């Protein structure tokens, strides 16, 4: 299993795509164990979403319209990770 912290890259925008609410909840629980916050709160207190941004300061946030466009752009400074890949052995 990869750590969420290992995804952080100061030079790239990192997004994690969730295939289900269950995967998102697992992601939130792992993020909380790794010391991430979500709007100053514990990630497990937030509602699941299909796309979450991982910021360099160990913060998570929901993704709005521009972030969704960026996540689909294929730009070199954008990384999109499938949430399920984080939990594969």
N, C-alpha and C. Protein backbone atom coordinates (compact mmCIF):
# COMPACT_ATOMS: atom_id res chain seq x y z
N UNK A 1 0.84 -1.19 0.00
CA UNK A 1 0.00 0.00 0.00
C UNK A 1 0.89 1.25 0.00
N UNK A 2 0.59 2.17 -0.88
CA UNK A 2 1.29 3.45 -0.93
C UNK A 2 0.77 4.35 0.19
N UNK A 3 1.61 5.29 0.59
CA UNK A 3 1.11 6.29 1.53
C UNK A 3 0.58 7.47 0.72
N UNK A 4 -0.34 8.20 1.31
CA UNK A 4 -0.86 9.39 0.65
C UNK A 4 0.22 10.46 0.63
N UNK A 5 1.01 10.51 1.70
CA UNK A 5 2.09 11.48 1.77
C UNK A 5 3.07 11.32 0.61
N UNK A 6 3.26 10.09 0.14
CA UNK A 6 4.19 9.85 -0.97
C UNK A 6 3.70 10.46 -2.28
N UNK A 7 2.43 10.84 -2.34
CA UNK A 7 1.89 11.45 -3.55
C UNK A 7 2.23 12.94 -3.66
N UNK A 8 2.57 13.54 -2.52
CA UNK A 8 2.80 14.99 -2.50
C UNK A 8 3.97 15.35 -3.40
N UNK A 9 3.74 16.37 -4.21
CA UNK A 9 4.77 16.87 -5.11
C UNK A 9 4.58 18.38 -5.21
N UNK A 10 5.56 19.14 -4.74
CA UNK A 10 5.45 20.60 -4.72
C UNK A 10 5.33 21.19 -6.11
N UNK A 11 5.76 20.47 -7.14
CA UNK A 11 5.74 20.99 -8.50
C UNK A 11 4.54 20.53 -9.32
N UNK A 12 3.70 19.71 -8.73
CA UNK A 12 2.55 19.17 -9.47
C UNK A 12 1.29 19.25 -8.62
N UNK A 13 0.17 19.39 -9.30
CA UNK A 13 -1.13 19.33 -8.64
C UNK A 13 -1.52 17.85 -8.59
N UNK A 14 -1.90 17.39 -7.41
CA UNK A 14 -2.21 15.97 -7.22
C UNK A 14 -3.69 15.82 -6.89
N UNK A 15 -4.36 14.97 -7.67
CA UNK A 15 -5.77 14.67 -7.46
C UNK A 15 -5.92 13.16 -7.28
N UNK A 16 -6.84 12.77 -6.41
CA UNK A 16 -7.13 11.35 -6.23
C UNK A 16 -8.59 11.13 -6.64
N UNK A 17 -8.79 10.26 -7.62
CA UNK A 17 -10.12 9.94 -8.13
C UNK A 17 -10.67 8.74 -7.38
N UNK A 18 -11.89 8.88 -6.90
CA UNK A 18 -12.52 7.82 -6.12
C UNK A 18 -13.58 7.12 -6.95
N UNK A 19 -13.53 5.79 -6.96
CA UNK A 19 -14.50 5.02 -7.73
C UNK A 19 -15.78 4.75 -6.96
N UNK A 20 -15.74 4.97 -5.63
CA UNK A 20 -16.93 4.72 -4.82
C UNK A 20 -16.81 5.48 -3.50
N UNK A 21 -17.92 5.59 -2.79
CA UNK A 21 -17.90 6.21 -1.47
C UNK A 21 -17.04 5.40 -0.51
N UNK A 22 -17.08 4.09 -0.64
CA UNK A 22 -16.29 3.22 0.24
C UNK A 22 -14.80 3.51 0.08
N UNK A 23 -14.34 3.62 -1.15
CA UNK A 23 -12.92 3.93 -1.40
C UNK A 23 -12.59 5.30 -0.82
N UNK A 24 -13.47 6.27 -0.99
CA UNK A 24 -13.23 7.60 -0.46
C UNK A 24 -13.14 7.57 1.07
N UNK A 25 -14.00 6.83 1.70
CA UNK A 25 -13.95 6.73 3.17
C UNK A 25 -12.66 6.05 3.63
N UNK A 26 -12.21 5.04 2.91
CA UNK A 26 -10.93 4.40 3.24
C UNK A 26 -9.78 5.39 3.06
N UNK A 27 -9.85 6.17 1.98
CA UNK A 27 -8.84 7.20 1.72
C UNK A 27 -8.81 8.22 2.86
N UNK A 28 -9.98 8.68 3.27
CA UNK A 28 -10.06 9.64 4.38
C UNK A 28 -9.45 9.06 5.66
N UNK A 29 -9.76 7.81 5.96
CA UNK A 29 -9.24 7.17 7.18
C UNK A 29 -7.71 7.08 7.11
N UNK A 30 -7.18 6.69 5.95
CA UNK A 30 -5.73 6.60 5.78
C UNK A 30 -5.10 7.99 5.89
N UNK A 31 -5.72 8.98 5.27
CA UNK A 31 -5.21 10.35 5.34
C UNK A 31 -5.16 10.85 6.78
N UNK A 32 -6.18 10.54 7.53
CA UNK A 32 -6.22 10.95 8.94
C UNK A 32 -5.09 10.29 9.73
N UNK A 33 -4.84 9.01 9.48
CA UNK A 33 -3.74 8.31 10.16
C UNK A 33 -2.38 8.94 9.80
N UNK A 34 -2.27 9.49 8.59
CA UNK A 34 -1.02 10.09 8.14
C UNK A 34 -0.90 11.56 8.55
N UNK A 35 -1.91 12.09 9.24
CA UNK A 35 -1.82 13.47 9.74
C UNK A 35 -2.34 14.54 8.80
N UNK A 36 -3.10 14.16 7.79
CA UNK A 36 -3.70 15.14 6.88
C UNK A 36 -4.91 15.78 7.55
N UNK A 37 -5.20 17.00 7.12
CA UNK A 37 -6.42 17.68 7.57
C UNK A 37 -7.24 18.05 6.34
N UNK A 38 -8.49 18.36 6.59
CA UNK A 38 -9.42 18.70 5.50
C UNK A 38 -10.20 19.92 5.98
N UNK A 39 -9.77 21.10 5.54
CA UNK A 39 -10.41 22.32 5.99
C UNK A 39 -10.26 22.52 7.49
N UNK A 40 -9.12 22.08 8.04
CA UNK A 40 -8.87 22.20 9.46
C UNK A 40 -9.54 21.13 10.31
N UNK A 41 -10.23 20.21 9.68
CA UNK A 41 -10.93 19.14 10.41
C UNK A 41 -10.33 17.79 10.04
N UNK A 42 -10.76 16.77 10.77
CA UNK A 42 -10.36 15.41 10.43
C UNK A 42 -11.03 15.01 9.12
N UNK A 43 -10.28 14.38 8.21
CA UNK A 43 -10.88 13.95 6.94
C UNK A 43 -12.12 13.08 7.11
N UNK A 44 -12.14 12.24 8.15
CA UNK A 44 -13.28 11.33 8.33
C UNK A 44 -14.57 12.06 8.70
N UNK A 45 -14.48 13.35 9.01
CA UNK A 45 -15.67 14.14 9.30
C UNK A 45 -16.30 14.74 8.04
N UNK A 46 -15.64 14.60 6.91
CA UNK A 46 -16.12 15.20 5.66
C UNK A 46 -16.92 14.21 4.82
N UNK A 47 -17.72 14.75 3.92
CA UNK A 47 -18.52 13.93 3.02
C UNK A 47 -17.64 13.38 1.90
N UNK A 48 -17.92 12.16 1.45
CA UNK A 48 -17.17 11.58 0.34
C UNK A 48 -17.35 12.39 -0.94
N UNK A 49 -16.38 12.30 -1.80
CA UNK A 49 -16.44 12.97 -3.10
C UNK A 49 -15.74 12.07 -4.11
N UNK A 50 -15.97 12.33 -5.38
CA UNK A 50 -15.36 11.50 -6.41
C UNK A 50 -13.95 11.98 -6.79
N UNK A 51 -13.56 13.19 -6.34
CA UNK A 51 -12.25 13.73 -6.67
C UNK A 51 -11.78 14.61 -5.52
N UNK A 52 -10.59 14.33 -5.01
CA UNK A 52 -10.02 15.06 -3.88
C UNK A 52 -8.64 15.56 -4.27
N UNK A 53 -8.33 16.80 -3.90
CA UNK A 53 -6.99 17.34 -4.13
C UNK A 53 -6.13 17.09 -2.90
N UNK A 54 -4.88 16.72 -3.14
CA UNK A 54 -3.89 16.52 -2.08
C UNK A 54 -2.89 17.66 -2.20
N UNK A 55 -2.79 18.49 -1.16
CA UNK A 55 -1.94 19.68 -1.19
C UNK A 55 -0.61 19.41 -0.50
N UNK A 56 0.44 20.16 -0.87
CA UNK A 56 1.78 19.93 -0.30
C UNK A 56 1.86 20.12 1.21
N UNK A 57 0.93 20.87 1.82
CA UNK A 57 0.97 21.10 3.26
C UNK A 57 0.18 20.05 4.06
N UNK A 58 -0.03 18.90 3.44
CA UNK A 58 -0.78 17.78 4.04
C UNK A 58 -2.23 18.16 4.33
N UNK A 59 -2.79 18.92 3.41
CA UNK A 59 -4.21 19.27 3.48
C UNK A 59 -4.91 18.60 2.30
N UNK A 60 -6.19 18.31 2.50
CA UNK A 60 -7.04 17.78 1.44
C UNK A 60 -8.12 18.80 1.17
N UNK A 61 -8.66 18.79 -0.05
CA UNK A 61 -9.79 19.68 -0.31
C UNK A 61 -10.64 19.11 -1.45
N UNK A 62 -11.90 19.55 -1.44
CA UNK A 62 -12.79 19.20 -2.54
C UNK A 62 -12.31 19.92 -3.79
N UNK A 63 -12.70 19.42 -4.94
CA UNK A 63 -12.25 19.98 -6.21
C UNK A 63 -13.42 20.63 -6.91
N UNK A 64 -13.25 21.89 -7.29
CA UNK A 64 -14.28 22.64 -8.01
C UNK A 64 -14.13 22.49 -9.51
N UNK A 65 -14.80 23.34 -10.23
CA UNK A 65 -14.83 23.28 -11.69
C UNK A 65 -13.45 23.37 -12.33
N UNK A 66 -12.65 24.35 -11.91
CA UNK A 66 -11.33 24.52 -12.53
C UNK A 66 -10.41 23.35 -12.22
N UNK A 67 -10.49 22.83 -11.02
CA UNK A 67 -9.69 21.65 -10.65
C UNK A 67 -10.10 20.43 -11.45
N UNK A 68 -11.40 20.30 -11.69
CA UNK A 68 -11.88 19.16 -12.49
C UNK A 68 -11.38 19.27 -13.93
N UNK A 69 -11.38 20.48 -14.46
CA UNK A 69 -10.85 20.68 -15.81
C UNK A 69 -9.36 20.35 -15.83
N UNK A 70 -8.63 20.83 -14.83
CA UNK A 70 -7.19 20.57 -14.75
C UNK A 70 -6.92 19.07 -14.65
N UNK A 71 -7.73 18.36 -13.85
CA UNK A 71 -7.49 16.93 -13.65
C UNK A 71 -7.69 16.12 -14.92
N UNK A 72 -8.42 16.68 -15.88
CA UNK A 72 -8.67 15.98 -17.13
C UNK A 72 -7.81 16.51 -18.28
N UNK A 73 -6.95 17.49 -17.98
CA UNK A 73 -6.20 18.17 -19.03
C UNK A 73 -5.04 17.38 -19.60
N UNK A 74 -4.49 16.46 -18.80
CA UNK A 74 -3.31 15.73 -19.26
C UNK A 74 -2.05 16.58 -19.21
N UNK A 75 -2.10 17.72 -18.55
CA UNK A 75 -0.95 18.61 -18.43
C UNK A 75 0.17 17.93 -17.65
N UNK A 76 1.38 18.31 -17.93
CA UNK A 76 2.54 17.72 -17.29
C UNK A 76 2.65 18.01 -15.81
N UNK A 77 1.99 19.07 -15.35
CA UNK A 77 2.08 19.43 -13.93
C UNK A 77 0.89 18.91 -13.12
N UNK A 78 0.15 17.95 -13.68
CA UNK A 78 -1.03 17.39 -13.01
C UNK A 78 -0.88 15.87 -12.91
N UNK A 79 -1.13 15.35 -11.71
CA UNK A 79 -1.10 13.91 -11.48
C UNK A 79 -2.47 13.49 -10.96
N UNK A 80 -3.07 12.49 -11.59
CA UNK A 80 -4.34 11.94 -11.12
C UNK A 80 -4.11 10.48 -10.76
N UNK A 81 -4.42 10.15 -9.51
CA UNK A 81 -4.21 8.81 -8.99
C UNK A 81 -5.57 8.18 -8.74
N UNK A 82 -5.70 6.92 -9.10
CA UNK A 82 -6.92 6.17 -8.81
C UNK A 82 -6.86 5.76 -7.34
N UNK A 83 -7.85 6.14 -6.56
CA UNK A 83 -7.88 5.85 -5.13
C UNK A 83 -7.72 4.38 -4.82
N UNK A 84 -8.25 3.51 -5.66
CA UNK A 84 -8.14 2.07 -5.42
C UNK A 84 -6.69 1.60 -5.45
N UNK A 85 -5.85 2.26 -6.25
CA UNK A 85 -4.45 1.88 -6.35
C UNK A 85 -3.71 2.05 -5.03
N UNK A 86 -4.19 2.95 -4.20
CA UNK A 86 -3.54 3.20 -2.91
C UNK A 86 -3.70 2.02 -1.96
N UNK A 87 -4.72 1.20 -2.19
CA UNK A 87 -5.03 0.13 -1.26
C UNK A 87 -4.70 -1.26 -1.81
N UNK A 88 -4.07 -1.31 -2.98
CA UNK A 88 -3.67 -2.59 -3.53
C UNK A 88 -2.44 -3.08 -2.78
N UNK A 89 -2.30 -4.39 -2.59
CA UNK A 89 -1.12 -4.92 -1.86
C UNK A 89 0.17 -4.68 -2.61
